[in-house]
Amino acid sequence: MKITISELALVILIGPSGAGKSTFAHKHFRPTEILSSDFFRGMVSDDENNQAGSKDAFEVLHLVAAKRLFTGKLTVIDATNVQPEARNSLITLARKYHCAPMAIVFNLPEELCIKRNKERPNRNVGPSIVHLHSQQLQNSLRGLEQEGFRPIYILNSVEEINTVEIIRQPLENNHEYERNNFL
């Protein structure tokens, strides 16, 4: 599957814990483009697993996302984003900076996500949380377009995830890639 991403976009990764969002992000995007809720949770509380630090972590994540979008930088949000409330604030941010909010959805089987979480060192996401994430994702799938996401890519298997090719599309007014043919 080919996924075309404008060089000025807010890419929201959506899926349960253990679906492979972080692995996907690190494979396809520059480290500076990825804003991870786990990273910011670690920044504010010294523990990426400390859910008590989530409010502050997301406050800082949104601040950094706003700064990146203001300067015209592609920004990728690596968090579960399975609740509409979490996505709505990001869509509002994208609109404020006149960029496209796009969704890449990791719609993998719940059992696989549970298995992956059990295999992760230093991670304490239990099966009940993954089950809740999976339910919230399923409840959200039909409404993503109405929320304002365009485009929406839904990846339904590990094979689909592994075969994704990201194509970066320069903005029409960006002539940085052109050569000077006048000499």
N, C-alpha and C. Protein backbone atom coordinates (compact mmCIF):
# COMPACT_ATOMS: atom_id res chain seq x y z
N MET A 1 0.84 -1.17 0.00
CA MET A 1 0.00 0.00 0.00
C MET A 1 0.89 1.24 0.00
N LYS A 2 0.54 2.19 -0.84
CA LYS A 2 1.26 3.46 -0.89
C LYS A 2 0.47 4.50 -0.12
N ILE A 3 1.17 5.22 0.75
CA ILE A 3 0.56 6.28 1.54
C ILE A 3 1.27 7.57 1.16
N THR A 4 0.51 8.51 0.60
CA THR A 4 1.05 9.80 0.21
C THR A 4 0.82 10.80 1.33
N ILE A 5 1.90 11.46 1.73
CA ILE A 5 1.83 12.42 2.83
C ILE A 5 2.40 13.75 2.35
N SER A 6 1.60 14.80 2.52
CA SER A 6 2.07 16.15 2.21
C SER A 6 3.18 16.51 3.18
N GLU A 7 4.13 17.31 2.71
CA GLU A 7 5.23 17.68 3.59
C GLU A 7 4.76 18.56 4.75
N LEU A 8 3.57 19.13 4.66
CA LEU A 8 2.97 19.83 5.79
C LEU A 8 1.68 19.11 6.13
N ALA A 9 1.77 18.20 7.08
CA ALA A 9 0.61 17.43 7.51
C ALA A 9 0.78 17.08 8.97
N LEU A 10 -0.35 16.84 9.61
CA LEU A 10 -0.34 16.28 10.96
C LEU A 10 -0.84 14.85 10.81
N VAL A 11 0.07 13.91 10.97
CA VAL A 11 -0.24 12.49 10.82
C VAL A 11 -0.55 11.92 12.20
N ILE A 12 -1.75 11.39 12.35
CA ILE A 12 -2.18 10.83 13.62
C ILE A 12 -2.17 9.31 13.49
N LEU A 13 -1.33 8.64 14.27
CA LEU A 13 -1.32 7.19 14.31
C LEU A 13 -2.38 6.77 15.33
N ILE A 14 -3.24 5.83 14.94
CA ILE A 14 -4.36 5.43 15.78
C ILE A 14 -4.35 3.91 15.92
N GLY A 15 -4.37 3.43 17.17
CA GLY A 15 -4.44 1.99 17.38
C GLY A 15 -4.16 1.63 18.82
N PRO A 16 -4.55 0.43 19.21
CA PRO A 16 -4.33 -0.02 20.58
C PRO A 16 -2.85 -0.15 20.91
N SER A 17 -2.54 -0.15 22.17
CA SER A 17 -1.18 -0.43 22.61
C SER A 17 -0.76 -1.79 22.06
N GLY A 18 0.43 -1.85 21.50
CA GLY A 18 0.94 -3.11 20.95
C GLY A 18 0.62 -3.32 19.49
N ALA A 19 -0.02 -2.35 18.84
CA ALA A 19 -0.39 -2.51 17.43
C ALA A 19 0.77 -2.25 16.47
N GLY A 20 1.86 -1.66 16.96
CA GLY A 20 3.02 -1.42 16.11
C GLY A 20 3.17 0.01 15.62
N LYS A 21 2.49 0.94 16.26
CA LYS A 21 2.56 2.34 15.83
C LYS A 21 3.97 2.91 15.94
N SER A 22 4.63 2.70 17.06
CA SER A 22 5.98 3.25 17.26
C SER A 22 6.98 2.63 16.30
N THR A 23 6.91 1.33 16.11
CA THR A 23 7.80 0.66 15.17
C THR A 23 7.60 1.22 13.77
N PHE A 24 6.35 1.39 13.37
CA PHE A 24 6.01 1.95 12.06
C PHE A 24 6.56 3.37 11.94
N ALA A 25 6.35 4.17 12.97
CA ALA A 25 6.82 5.56 12.94
C ALA A 25 8.33 5.63 12.77
N HIS A 26 9.06 4.82 13.52
CA HIS A 26 10.52 4.85 13.43
C HIS A 26 11.03 4.32 12.09
N LYS A 27 10.25 3.47 11.45
CA LYS A 27 10.64 2.94 10.14
C LYS A 27 10.44 3.97 9.03
N HIS A 28 9.40 4.80 9.15
CA HIS A 28 9.00 5.65 8.03
C HIS A 28 9.24 7.16 8.21
N PHE A 29 9.53 7.60 9.41
CA PHE A 29 9.66 9.03 9.66
C PHE A 29 10.95 9.36 10.38
N ARG A 30 11.39 10.59 10.23
CA ARG A 30 12.59 11.05 10.94
C ARG A 30 12.29 11.12 12.43
N PRO A 31 13.29 10.88 13.27
CA PRO A 31 13.06 10.96 14.72
C PRO A 31 12.49 12.31 15.15
N THR A 32 12.90 13.39 14.49
CA THR A 32 12.42 14.71 14.86
C THR A 32 10.97 14.95 14.46
N GLU A 33 10.44 14.15 13.55
CA GLU A 33 9.05 14.30 13.11
C GLU A 33 8.06 13.60 14.04
N ILE A 34 8.55 12.67 14.86
CA ILE A 34 7.69 11.83 15.68
C ILE A 34 7.55 12.42 17.08
N LEU A 35 6.30 12.66 17.48
CA LEU A 35 6.00 13.10 18.84
C LEU A 35 5.28 11.96 19.53
N SER A 36 5.98 11.31 20.44
CA SER A 36 5.47 10.12 21.12
C SER A 36 4.94 10.47 22.51
N SER A 37 3.73 10.04 22.79
CA SER A 37 3.17 10.28 24.13
C SER A 37 4.03 9.59 25.19
N ASP A 38 4.57 8.43 24.89
CA ASP A 38 5.44 7.73 25.85
C ASP A 38 6.68 8.57 26.15
N PHE A 39 7.29 9.13 25.10
CA PHE A 39 8.48 9.95 25.29
C PHE A 39 8.18 11.15 26.18
N PHE A 40 7.09 11.84 25.88
CA PHE A 40 6.76 13.04 26.67
C PHE A 40 6.34 12.67 28.09
N ARG A 41 5.71 11.51 28.27
CA ARG A 41 5.38 11.04 29.62
C ARG A 41 6.66 10.81 30.40
N GLY A 42 7.67 10.24 29.74
CA GLY A 42 8.98 10.06 30.37
C GLY A 42 9.64 11.39 30.69
N MET A 43 9.49 12.36 29.80
CA MET A 43 10.09 13.68 30.01
C MET A 43 9.53 14.37 31.25
N VAL A 44 8.23 14.26 31.46
CA VAL A 44 7.62 14.99 32.57
C VAL A 44 7.59 14.20 33.88
N SER A 45 7.78 12.88 33.81
CA SER A 45 7.67 12.08 35.05
C SER A 45 8.81 11.10 35.26
N ASP A 46 9.77 11.06 34.34
CA ASP A 46 10.88 10.10 34.38
C ASP A 46 10.43 8.64 34.25
N ASP A 47 9.19 8.43 33.78
CA ASP A 47 8.68 7.07 33.62
C ASP A 47 7.65 7.07 32.49
N GLU A 48 8.00 6.46 31.37
CA GLU A 48 7.09 6.41 30.22
C GLU A 48 5.79 5.69 30.52
N ASN A 49 5.78 4.85 31.53
CA ASN A 49 4.57 4.09 31.89
C ASN A 49 3.70 4.80 32.92
N ASN A 50 4.15 5.90 33.46
CA ASN A 50 3.42 6.59 34.52
C ASN A 50 2.22 7.33 33.95
N GLN A 51 1.05 6.71 34.02
CA GLN A 51 -0.15 7.32 33.47
C GLN A 51 -0.54 8.60 34.19
N ALA A 52 -0.09 8.78 35.43
CA ALA A 52 -0.37 10.01 36.16
C ALA A 52 0.29 11.22 35.47
N GLY A 53 1.30 10.97 34.66
CA GLY A 53 1.98 12.05 33.95
C GLY A 53 1.36 12.36 32.59
N SER A 54 0.29 11.68 32.23
CA SER A 54 -0.28 11.82 30.89
C SER A 54 -0.78 13.22 30.59
N LYS A 55 -1.48 13.85 31.51
CA LYS A 55 -2.03 15.18 31.26
C LYS A 55 -0.91 16.16 30.91
N ASP A 56 0.13 16.19 31.72
CA ASP A 56 1.26 17.08 31.46
C ASP A 56 1.98 16.68 30.17
N ALA A 57 2.11 15.38 29.94
CA ALA A 57 2.81 14.91 28.74
C ALA A 57 2.09 15.38 27.48
N PHE A 58 0.77 15.26 27.46
CA PHE A 58 0.03 15.67 26.27
C PHE A 58 0.02 17.19 26.12
N GLU A 59 0.08 17.91 27.22
CA GLU A 59 0.18 19.36 27.14
C GLU A 59 1.48 19.76 26.42
N VAL A 60 2.58 19.12 26.78
CA VAL A 60 3.87 19.42 26.15
C VAL A 60 3.87 18.92 24.70
N LEU A 61 3.33 17.74 24.46
CA LEU A 61 3.24 17.19 23.10
C LEU A 61 2.49 18.16 22.19
N HIS A 62 1.35 18.68 22.64
CA HIS A 62 0.58 19.63 21.84
C HIS A 62 1.36 20.93 21.59
N LEU A 63 2.10 21.38 22.59
CA LEU A 63 2.91 22.59 22.43
C LEU A 63 3.98 22.38 21.35
N VAL A 64 4.67 21.26 21.40
CA VAL A 64 5.71 20.97 20.40
C VAL A 64 5.07 20.79 19.02
N ALA A 65 3.94 20.10 18.96
CA ALA A 65 3.24 19.93 17.68
C ALA A 65 2.88 21.29 17.08
N ALA A 66 2.38 22.19 17.90
CA ALA A 66 2.02 23.53 17.42
C ALA A 66 3.24 24.27 16.88
N LYS A 67 4.36 24.19 17.57
CA LYS A 67 5.59 24.85 17.11
C LYS A 67 6.05 24.27 15.78
N ARG A 68 5.97 22.94 15.63
CA ARG A 68 6.39 22.31 14.38
C ARG A 68 5.47 22.71 13.22
N LEU A 69 4.16 22.68 13.47
CA LEU A 69 3.22 23.02 12.40
C LEU A 69 3.34 24.49 12.03
N PHE A 70 3.57 25.35 13.00
CA PHE A 70 3.75 26.78 12.73
C PHE A 70 4.93 27.01 11.79
N THR A 71 5.97 26.20 11.94
CA THR A 71 7.15 26.36 11.08
C THR A 71 7.09 25.48 9.82
N GLY A 72 5.94 24.87 9.57
CA GLY A 72 5.75 24.11 8.34
C GLY A 72 6.39 22.74 8.32
N LYS A 73 6.48 22.09 9.48
CA LYS A 73 7.13 20.78 9.57
C LYS A 73 6.11 19.65 9.66
N LEU A 74 6.37 18.59 8.92
CA LEU A 74 5.58 17.37 9.05
C LEU A 74 5.66 16.89 10.49
N THR A 75 4.51 16.54 11.06
CA THR A 75 4.46 16.12 12.46
C THR A 75 3.64 14.85 12.57
N VAL A 76 4.19 13.86 13.27
CA VAL A 76 3.54 12.57 13.44
C VAL A 76 3.27 12.36 14.93
N ILE A 77 2.01 12.10 15.27
CA ILE A 77 1.62 11.87 16.66
C ILE A 77 1.54 10.38 16.90
N ASP A 78 2.43 9.88 17.75
CA ASP A 78 2.50 8.47 18.10
C ASP A 78 1.90 8.28 19.50
N ALA A 79 0.60 8.00 19.53
CA ALA A 79 -0.14 7.73 20.76
C ALA A 79 -1.29 6.81 20.36
N THR A 80 -2.02 6.28 21.32
CA THR A 80 -3.12 5.39 20.94
C THR A 80 -4.18 6.15 20.14
N ASN A 81 -4.54 7.35 20.56
CA ASN A 81 -5.51 8.18 19.85
C ASN A 81 -6.81 7.44 19.52
N VAL A 82 -7.22 6.53 20.39
CA VAL A 82 -8.43 5.75 20.13
C VAL A 82 -9.70 6.44 20.62
N GLN A 83 -9.56 7.49 21.42
CA GLN A 83 -10.73 8.23 21.90
C GLN A 83 -10.95 9.47 21.03
N PRO A 84 -12.20 9.76 20.69
CA PRO A 84 -12.48 10.96 19.87
C PRO A 84 -11.95 12.24 20.52
N GLU A 85 -12.00 12.35 21.84
CA GLU A 85 -11.52 13.56 22.51
C GLU A 85 -10.04 13.79 22.24
N ALA A 86 -9.26 12.74 22.24
CA ALA A 86 -7.83 12.86 21.97
C ALA A 86 -7.59 13.34 20.53
N ARG A 87 -8.36 12.83 19.61
CA ARG A 87 -8.20 13.19 18.20
C ARG A 87 -8.71 14.60 17.92
N ASN A 88 -9.81 14.99 18.58
CA ASN A 88 -10.42 16.30 18.30
C ASN A 88 -9.46 17.44 18.56
N SER A 89 -8.72 17.37 19.65
CA SER A 89 -7.78 18.46 19.95
C SER A 89 -6.66 18.51 18.90
N LEU A 90 -6.30 17.37 18.35
CA LEU A 90 -5.26 17.34 17.30
C LEU A 90 -5.80 17.88 15.98
N ILE A 91 -7.04 17.56 15.66
CA ILE A 91 -7.65 18.08 14.43
C ILE A 91 -7.77 19.61 14.52
N THR A 92 -8.17 20.10 15.69
CA THR A 92 -8.24 21.55 15.91
C THR A 92 -6.88 22.19 15.69
N LEU A 93 -5.84 21.55 16.19
CA LEU A 93 -4.48 22.06 16.02
C LEU A 93 -4.09 22.10 14.54
N ALA A 94 -4.40 21.04 13.81
CA ALA A 94 -4.09 21.00 12.38
C ALA A 94 -4.80 22.12 11.63
N ARG A 95 -6.06 22.32 11.94
CA ARG A 95 -6.82 23.38 11.27
C ARG A 95 -6.25 24.76 11.58
N LYS A 96 -5.84 24.95 12.83
CA LYS A 96 -5.28 26.24 13.23
C LYS A 96 -4.07 26.60 12.37
N TYR A 97 -3.28 25.59 11.99
CA TYR A 97 -2.07 25.83 11.21
C TYR A 97 -2.24 25.45 9.74
N HIS A 98 -3.50 25.33 9.31
CA HIS A 98 -3.84 25.14 7.90
C HIS A 98 -3.12 23.95 7.27
N CYS A 99 -3.14 22.84 7.97
CA CYS A 99 -2.54 21.64 7.39
C CYS A 99 -3.52 20.48 7.47
N ALA A 100 -3.24 19.48 6.70
CA ALA A 100 -4.13 18.33 6.60
C ALA A 100 -3.96 17.40 7.79
N PRO A 101 -5.06 17.10 8.51
CA PRO A 101 -4.98 16.04 9.52
C PRO A 101 -5.26 14.70 8.84
N MET A 102 -4.30 13.80 8.86
CA MET A 102 -4.51 12.50 8.24
C MET A 102 -4.37 11.40 9.28
N ALA A 103 -5.06 10.30 9.05
CA ALA A 103 -5.05 9.19 10.00
C ALA A 103 -4.45 7.94 9.38
N ILE A 104 -3.58 7.30 10.15
CA ILE A 104 -3.11 5.96 9.79
C ILE A 104 -3.56 5.07 10.95
N VAL A 105 -4.47 4.15 10.65
CA VAL A 105 -5.12 3.33 11.66
C VAL A 105 -4.53 1.92 11.65
N PHE A 106 -4.18 1.44 12.84
CA PHE A 106 -3.63 0.10 13.02
C PHE A 106 -4.73 -0.77 13.61
N ASN A 107 -5.47 -1.42 12.74
CA ASN A 107 -6.65 -2.20 13.12
C ASN A 107 -6.28 -3.69 13.18
N LEU A 108 -5.44 -4.02 14.14
CA LEU A 108 -4.95 -5.40 14.27
C LEU A 108 -5.78 -6.17 15.30
N PRO A 109 -5.74 -7.50 15.24
CA PRO A 109 -6.48 -8.30 16.20
C PRO A 109 -6.05 -8.01 17.64
N GLU A 110 -7.01 -7.93 18.52
CA GLU A 110 -6.76 -7.65 19.94
C GLU A 110 -5.79 -8.65 20.54
N GLU A 111 -5.94 -9.93 20.18
CA GLU A 111 -5.08 -10.97 20.74
C GLU A 111 -3.60 -10.73 20.40
N LEU A 112 -3.35 -10.27 19.19
CA LEU A 112 -1.97 -9.98 18.78
C LEU A 112 -1.40 -8.82 19.59
N CYS A 113 -2.19 -7.79 19.81
CA CYS A 113 -1.73 -6.64 20.59
C CYS A 113 -1.45 -7.05 22.03
N ILE A 114 -2.29 -7.91 22.60
CA ILE A 114 -2.08 -8.40 23.97
C ILE A 114 -0.78 -9.19 24.04
N LYS A 115 -0.58 -10.07 23.05
CA LYS A 115 0.66 -10.87 23.00
C LYS A 115 1.89 -9.98 22.91
N ARG A 116 1.83 -8.98 22.04
CA ARG A 116 2.97 -8.07 21.89
C ARG A 116 3.26 -7.31 23.17
N ASN A 117 2.23 -6.87 23.87
CA ASN A 117 2.44 -6.14 25.12
C ASN A 117 3.08 -7.01 26.18
N LYS A 118 2.72 -8.29 26.22
CA LYS A 118 3.33 -9.21 27.19
C LYS A 118 4.82 -9.40 26.91
N GLU A 119 5.22 -9.29 25.64
CA GLU A 119 6.62 -9.49 25.25
C GLU A 119 7.48 -8.24 25.40
N ARG A 120 6.87 -7.10 25.68
CA ARG A 120 7.61 -5.85 25.77
C ARG A 120 8.25 -5.71 27.15
N PRO A 121 9.54 -5.47 27.18
CA PRO A 121 10.18 -5.25 28.48
C PRO A 121 9.78 -3.88 29.03
N ASN A 122 9.67 -3.79 30.33
CA ASN A 122 9.37 -2.52 31.00
C ASN A 122 8.05 -1.90 30.55
N ARG A 123 7.07 -2.73 30.20
CA ARG A 123 5.78 -2.21 29.77
C ARG A 123 4.69 -2.92 30.58
N ASN A 124 3.75 -2.16 31.09
CA ASN A 124 2.74 -2.78 31.95
C ASN A 124 1.32 -2.53 31.45
N VAL A 125 1.10 -2.65 30.15
CA VAL A 125 -0.23 -2.50 29.59
C VAL A 125 -0.90 -3.87 29.61
N GLY A 126 -1.91 -4.00 30.45
CA GLY A 126 -2.58 -5.28 30.62
C GLY A 126 -3.63 -5.55 29.57
N PRO A 127 -4.09 -6.80 29.51
CA PRO A 127 -5.10 -7.20 28.53
C PRO A 127 -6.40 -6.38 28.61
N SER A 128 -6.80 -5.97 29.80
CA SER A 128 -8.05 -5.21 29.91
C SER A 128 -7.92 -3.83 29.25
N ILE A 129 -6.73 -3.23 29.34
CA ILE A 129 -6.51 -1.93 28.69
C ILE A 129 -6.49 -2.11 27.17
N VAL A 130 -5.82 -3.15 26.69
CA VAL A 130 -5.79 -3.40 25.24
C VAL A 130 -7.21 -3.67 24.74
N HIS A 131 -7.99 -4.40 25.51
CA HIS A 131 -9.38 -4.68 25.14
C HIS A 131 -10.17 -3.37 25.03
N LEU A 132 -10.00 -2.48 26.00
CA LEU A 132 -10.67 -1.18 25.97
C LEU A 132 -10.23 -0.37 24.75
N HIS A 133 -8.92 -0.33 24.49
CA HIS A 133 -8.41 0.38 23.31
C HIS A 133 -9.03 -0.18 22.03
N SER A 134 -9.10 -1.51 21.93
CA SER A 134 -9.65 -2.16 20.73
C SER A 134 -11.12 -1.80 20.55
N GLN A 135 -11.87 -1.80 21.64
CA GLN A 135 -13.29 -1.42 21.56
C GLN A 135 -13.44 0.04 21.13
N GLN A 136 -12.64 0.91 21.73
CA GLN A 136 -12.71 2.33 21.38
C GLN A 136 -12.34 2.55 19.91
N LEU A 137 -11.37 1.80 19.43
CA LEU A 137 -10.99 1.91 18.02
C LEU A 137 -12.14 1.48 17.13
N GLN A 138 -12.73 0.33 17.41
CA GLN A 138 -13.84 -0.17 16.58
C GLN A 138 -15.00 0.81 16.57
N ASN A 139 -15.28 1.43 17.71
CA ASN A 139 -16.35 2.42 17.80
C ASN A 139 -16.03 3.69 17.01
N SER A 140 -14.76 3.94 16.76
CA SER A 140 -14.32 5.17 16.09
C SER A 140 -14.18 5.05 14.58
N LEU A 141 -14.00 3.85 14.08
CA LEU A 141 -13.62 3.69 12.66
C LEU A 141 -14.56 4.39 11.70
N ARG A 142 -15.86 4.24 11.91
CA ARG A 142 -16.82 4.82 10.95
C ARG A 142 -16.87 6.35 11.01
N GLY A 143 -16.46 6.94 12.13
CA GLY A 143 -16.60 8.38 12.29
C GLY A 143 -15.37 9.20 11.97
N LEU A 144 -14.28 8.58 11.58
CA LEU A 144 -13.03 9.32 11.36
C LEU A 144 -13.16 10.39 10.28
N GLU A 145 -13.85 10.08 9.20
CA GLU A 145 -14.00 11.06 8.14
C GLU A 145 -14.83 12.26 8.61
N GLN A 146 -15.90 12.00 9.36
CA GLN A 146 -16.72 13.10 9.88
C GLN A 146 -15.94 13.96 10.87
N GLU A 147 -14.96 13.37 11.54
CA GLU A 147 -14.13 14.13 12.46
C GLU A 147 -13.23 15.12 11.72
N GLY A 148 -12.94 14.84 10.46
CA GLY A 148 -12.14 15.76 9.67
C GLY A 148 -10.86 15.17 9.09
N PHE A 149 -10.65 13.88 9.27
CA PHE A 149 -9.43 13.27 8.73
C PHE A 149 -9.57 13.06 7.23
N ARG A 150 -8.54 13.47 6.49
CA ARG A 150 -8.45 13.23 5.07
C ARG A 150 -6.99 13.27 4.70
N PRO A 151 -6.47 12.22 4.21
CA PRO A 151 -7.07 10.91 4.00
C PRO A 151 -7.00 10.05 5.26
N ILE A 152 -7.60 8.87 5.15
CA ILE A 152 -7.59 7.88 6.22
C ILE A 152 -7.07 6.58 5.61
N TYR A 153 -6.03 6.03 6.22
CA TYR A 153 -5.49 4.74 5.78
C TYR A 153 -5.71 3.75 6.92
N ILE A 154 -6.37 2.63 6.62
CA ILE A 154 -6.61 1.61 7.64
C ILE A 154 -5.81 0.37 7.28
N LEU A 155 -4.92 0.00 8.20
CA LEU A 155 -4.06 -1.16 8.02
C LEU A 155 -4.63 -2.29 8.87
N ASN A 156 -5.04 -3.39 8.20
CA ASN A 156 -5.76 -4.46 8.87
C ASN A 156 -4.94 -5.71 9.16
N SER A 157 -3.66 -5.68 8.84
CA SER A 157 -2.83 -6.86 9.09
C SER A 157 -1.37 -6.46 9.21
N VAL A 158 -0.59 -7.34 9.80
CA VAL A 158 0.85 -7.11 9.91
C VAL A 158 1.45 -7.03 8.51
N GLU A 159 0.95 -7.85 7.60
CA GLU A 159 1.45 -7.85 6.22
C GLU A 159 1.22 -6.49 5.57
N GLU A 160 0.03 -5.91 5.75
CA GLU A 160 -0.24 -4.58 5.18
C GLU A 160 0.71 -3.54 5.78
N ILE A 161 0.91 -3.61 7.08
CA ILE A 161 1.80 -2.65 7.75
C ILE A 161 3.22 -2.78 7.20
N ASN A 162 3.67 -4.01 7.02
CA ASN A 162 5.04 -4.24 6.56
C ASN A 162 5.28 -3.85 5.11
N THR A 163 4.22 -3.72 4.32
CA THR A 163 4.40 -3.39 2.91
C THR A 163 4.09 -1.94 2.58
N VAL A 164 3.80 -1.13 3.60
CA VAL A 164 3.50 0.28 3.35
C VAL A 164 4.72 0.99 2.78
N GLU A 165 4.46 1.82 1.78
CA GLU A 165 5.48 2.70 1.22
C GLU A 165 4.98 4.13 1.41
N ILE A 166 5.77 4.94 2.09
CA ILE A 166 5.41 6.34 2.31
C ILE A 166 5.97 7.17 1.16
N ILE A 167 5.11 7.96 0.55
CA ILE A 167 5.51 8.87 -0.52
C ILE A 167 5.29 10.28 0.01
N ARG A 168 6.35 11.05 0.05
CA ARG A 168 6.27 12.43 0.53
C ARG A 168 5.97 13.35 -0.65
N GLN A 169 4.95 14.15 -0.48
CA GLN A 169 4.52 15.05 -1.54
C GLN A 169 4.87 16.48 -1.15
N PRO A 170 5.77 17.11 -1.91
CA PRO A 170 6.11 18.51 -1.61
C PRO A 170 4.91 19.42 -1.84
N LEU A 171 4.86 20.51 -1.12
CA LEU A 171 3.83 21.51 -1.35
C LEU A 171 4.05 22.14 -2.72
N GLU A 172 2.97 22.57 -3.36
CA GLU A 172 3.08 23.15 -4.71
C GLU A 172 3.99 24.37 -4.75
N ASN A 173 4.03 25.12 -3.66
CA ASN A 173 4.85 26.33 -3.65
C ASN A 173 6.28 26.08 -3.18
N ASN A 174 6.65 24.84 -2.94
CA ASN A 174 8.00 24.51 -2.51
C ASN A 174 8.83 24.17 -3.75
N HIS A 175 9.74 25.04 -4.08
CA HIS A 175 10.59 24.83 -5.25
C HIS A 175 11.99 24.38 -4.86
N GLU A 176 12.15 23.97 -3.63
CA GLU A 176 13.44 23.53 -3.11
C GLU A 176 14.01 22.35 -3.90
N TYR A 177 13.12 21.53 -4.47
CA TYR A 177 13.55 20.32 -5.16
C TYR A 177 13.89 20.54 -6.63
N GLU A 178 13.59 21.74 -7.12
CA GLU A 178 13.86 22.02 -8.52
C GLU A 178 15.30 22.47 -8.71
N ARG A 179 15.85 22.17 -9.88
CA ARG A 179 17.21 22.63 -10.21
C ARG A 179 17.09 23.92 -11.03
N ASN A 180 18.08 24.74 -10.91
CA ASN A 180 18.09 25.97 -11.67
C ASN A 180 18.51 25.66 -13.11
N ASN A 181 17.54 25.73 -14.01
CA ASN A 181 17.80 25.41 -15.42
C ASN A 181 18.09 26.65 -16.26
N PHE A 182 18.29 27.78 -15.61
CA PHE A 182 18.46 29.02 -16.36
C PHE A 182 19.91 29.34 -16.65
N LEU A 183 20.84 28.57 -16.16
CA LEU A 183 22.26 28.87 -16.38
C LEU A 183 22.82 28.09 -17.53
